[in-house]
Amino acid sequence: MQISIASIKQVFAKFLRRYHVILFVVVVVGGLSGAIFLLNNVLILSDQSNDYTSQINKTTFDADTIKKLKMLKTSGEQTSKLDLSGGRRINPFIE
């Protein structure tokens, strides 16, 4: 029995013809399993706290802003239409 490149190619081609579906399924399932495993590790690592404290100060509203917010009306309340141009046009953004 002689071993040559042509005979090795022939045996390999015969093997691939016979088991190509099984090899494909093994490669796809293995790839998906690896991807799920890596994504799971990323999610686990992102959940761990690293004792990080933000340098951004918490903001607060000043009294003027709170007053302006309280003056806003809900959609059910009646508002007067603004006459900005001497009776020719009204504000289209007022209900």
Protein backbone atom coordinates (compact mmCIF):
# COMPACT_ATOMS: atom_id res chain seq x y z
CA MET A 1 0.00 0.00 0.00
CA GLN A 2 1.50 3.30 -1.09
CA ILE A 3 0.78 6.61 0.59
CA SER A 4 0.66 9.52 -1.80
CA ILE A 5 -0.89 12.94 -1.84
CA ALA A 6 -3.48 11.85 -4.38
CA SER A 7 -4.65 8.94 -2.22
CA ILE A 8 -4.82 11.17 0.87
CA LYS A 9 -6.92 13.71 -1.07
CA GLN A 10 -9.21 10.94 -2.27
CA VAL A 11 -9.73 9.57 1.26
CA PHE A 12 -10.31 13.08 2.64
CA ALA A 13 -12.83 13.89 -0.14
CA LYS A 14 -14.67 10.61 0.52
CA PHE A 15 -14.78 11.44 4.25
CA LEU A 16 -16.16 14.94 3.57
CA ARG A 17 -18.77 13.62 1.14
CA ARG A 18 -19.97 11.15 3.73
CA TYR A 19 -19.97 13.33 6.86
CA HIS A 20 -20.37 16.89 5.56
CA VAL A 21 -23.77 17.45 7.22
CA ILE A 22 -22.56 16.21 10.60
CA LEU A 23 -19.42 18.32 10.40
CA PHE A 24 -21.47 21.38 9.47
CA VAL A 25 -23.85 20.88 12.40
CA VAL A 26 -20.94 20.36 14.83
CA VAL A 27 -19.18 23.52 13.64
CA VAL A 28 -22.36 25.65 13.77
CA VAL A 29 -23.46 24.38 17.18
CA GLY A 30 -19.93 24.78 18.52
CA GLY A 31 -19.71 28.34 17.19
CA LEU A 32 -23.07 29.30 18.65
CA SER A 33 -22.17 27.74 21.98
CA GLY A 34 -18.92 29.69 22.06
CA ALA A 35 -20.68 32.94 21.20
CA ILE A 36 -23.31 32.39 23.91
CA PHE A 37 -20.58 31.57 26.43
CA LEU A 38 -18.66 34.75 25.59
CA LEU A 39 -21.79 36.92 25.75
CA ASN A 40 -22.69 35.36 29.09
CA ASN A 41 -19.24 36.23 30.44
CA VAL A 42 -19.61 39.82 29.23
CA LEU A 43 -22.97 40.11 31.01
CA ILE A 44 -21.57 38.64 34.22
CA LEU A 45 -18.56 40.95 34.18
CA SER A 46 -20.68 44.03 33.48
CA ASP A 47 -22.81 43.31 36.55
CA GLN A 48 -19.89 43.33 38.97
CA SER A 49 -19.28 46.61 40.73
CA ASN A 50 -15.81 48.07 40.47
CA ASP A 51 -16.17 50.69 43.23
CA TYR A 52 -16.49 53.47 40.66
CA THR A 53 -17.81 56.77 41.93
CA SER A 54 -18.99 59.37 39.47
CA GLN A 55 -17.32 62.77 39.45
CA ILE A 56 -20.50 64.46 38.21
CA ASN A 57 -22.33 66.37 40.93
CA LYS A 58 -26.03 65.77 41.35
CA THR A 59 -27.98 68.67 39.92
CA THR A 60 -30.94 70.35 41.54
CA PHE A 61 -33.59 72.70 40.20
CA ASP A 62 -33.47 76.28 41.31
CA ALA A 63 -36.55 78.07 42.61
CA ASP A 64 -37.22 79.87 39.31
CA THR A 65 -37.31 76.61 37.37
CA ILE A 66 -39.67 75.01 39.89
CA LYS A 67 -41.98 78.05 39.62
CA LYS A 68 -42.01 77.80 35.82
CA LEU A 69 -42.80 74.09 35.96
CA LYS A 70 -45.71 74.68 38.32
CA MET A 71 -47.11 77.30 35.94
CA LEU A 72 -47.37 74.75 33.09
CA LYS A 73 -50.86 73.57 32.33
CA THR A 74 -52.02 70.03 31.62
CA SER A 75 -53.52 69.08 28.27
CA GLY A 76 -57.05 69.16 29.71
CA GLU A 77 -56.89 72.76 30.93
CA GLN A 78 -58.13 75.62 28.76
CA THR A 79 -55.46 77.99 27.51
CA SER A 80 -55.90 81.31 25.80
CA LYS A 81 -54.65 81.65 22.26
CA LEU A 82 -51.79 84.06 21.90
CA ASP A 83 -52.20 86.90 19.46
CA LEU A 84 -48.62 87.71 18.55
CA SER A 85 -49.08 89.71 15.37
CA GLY A 86 -51.93 92.12 15.95
CA GLY A 87 -54.84 89.80 15.09
CA ARG A 88 -53.46 88.32 11.89
CA ARG A 89 -52.01 85.05 13.19
CA ILE A 90 -52.33 82.92 16.29
CA ASN A 91 -49.76 80.62 17.83
CA PRO A 92 -50.12 77.20 16.15
CA PHE A 93 -48.63 75.39 19.13
CA ILE A 94 -51.45 76.30 21.54
CA GLU A 95 -54.28 73.79 21.67
